[in-house]
N, C-alpha and C. Protein backbone atom coordinates (compact mmCIF):
# COMPACT_ATOMS: atom_id res chain seq x y z
N MET A 1 -23.33 -10.88 8.30
CA MET A 1 -23.54 -11.11 6.95
C MET A 1 -22.13 -10.42 6.26
N ASN A 2 -21.59 -11.11 5.29
CA ASN A 2 -20.78 -10.53 4.61
C ASN A 2 -21.17 -11.09 2.68
N ALA A 3 -21.25 -9.82 2.28
CA ALA A 3 -21.51 -9.97 0.88
C ALA A 3 -20.48 -8.68 0.00
N THR A 4 -20.54 -8.99 -1.24
CA THR A 4 -19.59 -8.68 -2.15
C THR A 4 -20.54 -7.95 -3.43
N VAL A 5 -20.52 -6.95 -3.86
CA VAL A 5 -21.43 -6.89 -4.77
C VAL A 5 -20.05 -5.84 -5.54
N SER A 6 -20.20 -5.82 -6.67
CA SER A 6 -18.90 -5.57 -7.62
C SER A 6 -19.21 -3.90 -7.65
N LEU A 7 -18.33 -3.15 -8.32
CA LEU A 7 -18.52 -1.58 -8.48
C LEU A 7 -19.01 -1.25 -9.41
N GLU A 8 -19.80 -1.90 -10.65
CA GLU A 8 -20.94 -1.87 -11.15
C GLU A 8 -22.20 -1.54 -10.36
N GLY A 9 -22.36 -2.73 -9.30
CA GLY A 9 -23.50 -2.92 -8.71
C GLY A 9 -23.70 -1.17 -7.79
N ILE A 10 -22.62 -1.23 -7.08
CA ILE A 10 -22.47 0.20 -6.13
C ILE A 10 -22.69 1.21 -6.89
N LEU A 11 -22.47 1.08 -8.45
CA LEU A 11 -22.71 1.91 -9.17
C LEU A 11 -24.22 2.72 -9.29
N GLN A 12 -24.64 0.81 -9.82
CA GLN A 12 -26.04 1.41 -9.79
C GLN A 12 -26.55 1.97 -8.67
N MET A 13 -26.32 1.04 -7.63
CA MET A 13 -27.07 1.80 -6.53
C MET A 13 -27.17 3.49 -5.78
N LEU A 14 -25.92 3.76 -6.25
CA LEU A 14 -25.73 5.12 -6.05
C LEU A 14 -26.26 6.26 -7.39
N GLN A 15 -26.95 5.90 -7.84
CA GLN A 15 -27.76 6.47 -9.36
C GLN A 15 -29.04 7.44 -9.03
N PRO A 16 -29.86 6.78 -8.04
CA PRO A 16 -30.66 7.75 -7.39
C PRO A 16 -30.24 9.09 -6.60
N LEU A 17 -29.18 8.99 -6.56
CA LEU A 17 -28.73 10.14 -5.34
C LEU A 17 -28.90 11.76 -6.08
N SER A 18 -28.69 12.21 -5.22
CA SER A 18 -29.13 13.60 -5.94
C SER A 18 -27.54 14.42 -6.41
N ALA A 19 -27.47 15.19 -7.21
CA ALA A 19 -26.28 15.33 -7.92
C ALA A 19 -25.17 15.98 -6.67
N ASP A 20 -26.06 16.74 -5.73
CA ASP A 20 -25.55 17.22 -4.29
C ASP A 20 -24.92 16.21 -3.39
N ASN A 21 -25.05 15.48 -3.09
CA ASN A 21 -25.31 14.19 -2.44
C ASN A 21 -23.90 13.30 -3.36
N LYS A 22 -24.03 12.89 -4.84
CA LYS A 22 -22.89 12.40 -5.64
C LYS A 22 -21.68 13.12 -5.37
N ARG A 23 -21.15 14.23 -5.52
CA ARG A 23 -20.57 15.32 -5.01
C ARG A 23 -19.81 15.00 -4.06
N TRP A 24 -21.10 15.24 -2.36
CA TRP A 24 -20.32 14.98 -1.47
C TRP A 24 -19.69 13.48 -1.30
N LEU A 25 -20.67 12.58 -1.47
CA LEU A 25 -19.90 11.44 -1.65
C LEU A 25 -18.51 11.03 -2.20
N SER A 26 -18.30 11.68 -3.35
CA SER A 26 -16.93 11.19 -4.31
C SER A 26 -16.09 12.36 -3.56
N GLU A 27 -16.48 13.45 -2.83
CA GLU A 27 -15.43 14.44 -1.73
C GLU A 27 -14.60 13.44 -1.07
N LYS A 28 -15.50 12.57 -0.46
CA LYS A 28 -15.53 12.05 1.19
C LYS A 28 -14.52 10.71 0.38
N LEU A 29 -14.99 9.96 -0.38
CA LEU A 29 -13.88 8.83 -0.73
C LEU A 29 -13.07 9.42 -1.74
N MET A 30 -12.51 10.37 -1.90
CA MET A 30 -11.14 11.02 -2.54
C MET A 30 -10.37 11.38 -1.37
N GLU A 31 -10.80 11.60 -0.19
CA GLU A 31 -10.50 12.24 0.95
C GLU A 31 -9.49 11.03 1.71
N GLU A 32 -10.68 10.01 1.50
CA GLU A 32 -10.10 8.49 2.53
C GLU A 32 -9.03 7.95 1.21
N ALA A 33 -9.40 7.98 -0.30
CA ALA A 33 -8.40 7.38 -0.59
C ALA A 33 -6.81 8.69 -0.80
N LYS A 34 -6.85 9.50 -0.42
CA LYS A 34 -5.78 10.41 -0.17
C LYS A 34 -5.20 9.86 0.99
N ALA A 35 -6.02 10.28 2.12
CA ALA A 35 -5.30 9.32 3.33
C ALA A 35 -4.67 8.11 3.72
N LYS A 36 -5.09 7.68 2.54
CA LYS A 36 -4.58 5.88 2.95
C LYS A 36 -3.26 5.63 1.85
N THR A 37 -2.62 6.22 1.07
CA THR A 37 -1.94 7.15 -0.12
C THR A 37 -0.71 7.06 0.84
N HIS A 38 0.50 6.14 0.82
CA HIS A 38 1.75 5.76 1.54
C HIS A 38 2.27 7.39 1.28
N ALA A 39 3.28 8.01 1.85
CA ALA A 39 3.93 8.88 1.57
C ALA A 39 5.17 8.25 1.01
N PRO A 40 5.53 9.00 -0.21
CA PRO A 40 7.34 9.25 -0.83
C PRO A 40 7.93 8.83 0.20
N CYS A 41 9.33 7.52 -0.34
CA CYS A 41 10.27 7.67 0.64
C CYS A 41 10.64 8.60 1.19
N GLN A 42 11.49 8.80 2.65
CA GLN A 42 11.40 9.95 3.20
C GLN A 42 12.96 9.62 3.38
N TYR A 43 13.69 8.93 2.68
CA TYR A 43 15.44 9.10 2.87
C TYR A 43 15.86 10.65 1.63
N THR A 44 17.08 10.81 2.39
CA THR A 44 17.63 11.62 1.08
C THR A 44 18.48 10.85 0.38
N VAL A 45 18.88 11.35 -0.53
CA VAL A 45 19.92 10.58 -1.49
C VAL A 45 21.16 10.23 -0.74
N GLU A 46 21.89 10.81 0.17
CA GLU A 46 22.81 10.83 1.25
C GLU A 46 22.63 9.35 1.57
N GLU A 47 21.20 9.36 2.44
CA GLU A 47 21.11 8.45 3.15
C GLU A 47 20.84 6.88 2.61
N MET A 48 19.92 7.00 1.51
CA MET A 48 20.14 6.05 0.54
C MET A 48 21.05 5.49 0.63
N GLU A 49 22.52 6.42 -0.08
CA GLU A 49 23.83 5.01 -0.67
C GLU A 49 24.47 5.36 0.74
N SER A 50 24.69 5.92 1.41
CA SER A 50 25.28 5.07 3.20
C SER A 50 24.31 3.78 3.22
N ARG A 51 22.95 3.46 3.08
CA ARG A 51 22.29 2.31 3.08
C ARG A 51 23.00 1.31 2.26
N ILE A 52 22.90 1.89 1.16
CA ILE A 52 23.08 0.91 0.11
C ILE A 52 24.62 0.02 0.19
N ALA A 53 25.40 1.59 0.91
CA ALA A 53 27.20 0.80 1.08
C ALA A 53 26.95 0.35 2.29
N GLN A 54 26.52 -0.22 3.63
CA GLN A 54 26.34 -0.64 4.42
C GLN A 54 25.85 -2.20 4.14
N ALA A 55 25.06 -2.31 3.16
CA ALA A 55 24.50 -3.34 2.67
C ALA A 55 25.27 -4.21 2.01
N GLU A 56 26.32 -3.37 1.28
CA GLU A 56 27.53 -4.20 0.29
C GLU A 56 28.58 -4.17 1.37
N LYS A 57 28.64 -3.69 2.18
CA LYS A 57 29.77 -4.06 3.07
C LYS A 57 29.69 -5.45 3.94
N ARG A 58 27.94 -5.34 4.41
CA ARG A 58 27.83 -6.78 4.97
C ARG A 58 27.80 -7.85 4.16
N ALA A 59 27.29 -7.88 2.81
CA ALA A 59 27.20 -8.72 1.56
C ALA A 59 28.67 -9.51 1.56
N GLN A 60 29.29 -8.67 1.69
CA GLN A 60 31.28 -8.69 1.47
C GLN A 60 31.42 -9.99 2.38
N TYR A 61 30.79 -9.79 3.94
CA TYR A 61 31.21 -10.60 4.68
C TYR A 61 30.11 -12.28 4.80
N GLY A 62 29.69 -12.07 3.94
CA GLY A 62 28.52 -13.14 4.05
C GLY A 62 27.28 -13.16 4.38
N ASP A 63 26.81 -11.89 4.82
CA ASP A 63 25.50 -11.25 5.75
C ASP A 63 24.96 -10.90 4.84
N TRP A 64 24.21 -11.68 4.31
CA TRP A 64 22.69 -11.36 3.04
C TRP A 64 21.15 -10.66 3.98
N GLY A 65 21.71 -10.82 4.67
CA GLY A 65 19.67 -10.09 5.49
C GLY A 65 19.26 -11.80 5.80
N LEU A 66 17.74 -11.10 5.23
CA LEU A 66 17.01 -12.36 5.65
C LEU A 66 17.16 -13.33 4.38
N SER A 67 16.29 -14.37 5.05
CA SER A 67 16.80 -15.43 4.17
C SER A 67 15.64 -15.80 3.12
N ASP A 68 14.99 -16.56 2.57
CA ASP A 68 14.34 -16.28 1.42
C ASP A 68 13.23 -16.68 2.23
N GLU A 69 13.00 -17.91 3.32
CA GLU A 69 12.17 -18.07 4.03
C GLU A 69 11.23 -16.59 4.82
N GLU A 70 12.58 -15.96 5.37
CA GLU A 70 12.14 -14.81 6.48
C GLU A 70 11.59 -13.88 5.57
N ALA A 71 12.26 -13.46 4.32
CA ALA A 71 11.77 -12.21 3.42
C ALA A 71 10.49 -12.77 3.11
N ASP A 72 9.90 -13.77 2.70
CA ASP A 72 8.81 -14.54 2.30
C ASP A 72 7.28 -14.46 3.55
N LYS A 73 8.12 -14.56 4.85
CA LYS A 73 7.16 -14.60 5.76
C LYS A 73 6.68 -13.16 6.29
N GLU A 74 8.25 -12.16 5.88
CA GLU A 74 7.51 -10.91 6.36
C GLU A 74 6.63 -10.29 5.48
N LEU A 75 7.06 -10.61 3.97
CA LEU A 75 5.93 -9.92 2.97
C LEU A 75 4.60 -10.59 3.41
N LEU A 76 3.99 -11.86 3.42
CA LEU A 76 2.81 -12.23 3.17
C LEU A 76 2.26 -11.43 4.77
N GLU A 77 2.87 -11.37 5.77
CA GLU A 77 2.21 -10.53 6.97
C GLU A 77 2.18 -9.20 6.54
N ALA A 78 2.70 -8.56 6.10
CA ALA A 78 2.50 -7.11 5.68
C ALA A 78 1.15 -6.97 4.50
N LEU A 79 1.08 -8.11 3.22
CA LEU A 79 0.21 -8.56 2.35
C LEU A 79 -0.37 -9.69 2.48
N PRO A 80 -1.42 -9.57 2.99
CA PRO A 80 -1.84 -11.03 3.12
C PRO A 80 -2.48 -11.38 2.20
N TRP A 81 -2.83 -10.61 1.23
CA TRP A 81 -3.58 -11.21 -0.06
C TRP A 81 -3.20 -11.47 -0.67
N LEU A 82 -1.31 -11.58 -0.84
CA LEU A 82 -0.75 -12.48 -1.55
C LEU A 82 -0.60 -13.93 -1.66
N GLN A 83 -1.76 -14.21 -0.24
CA GLN A 83 -1.28 -15.62 -0.23
C GLN A 83 -2.00 -16.78 -0.91
């Protein structure tokens, strides 16, 4: 069974919990949120400059990388909720 509950509904369901249980739940939610946060870019400035220079060289020779269709396909595979 699939059910959809609003955030307000979830908050109302949690109201009967004790303060200790609410604190515990908030800590667990924060841990999970932090674990799902993506790390910042791991490239150095020099690596980024090198990658940009390589892309510019390829573009000068007509290699523009992905076509619009390929880019759309990759984007929708990575982020299916955009469909």
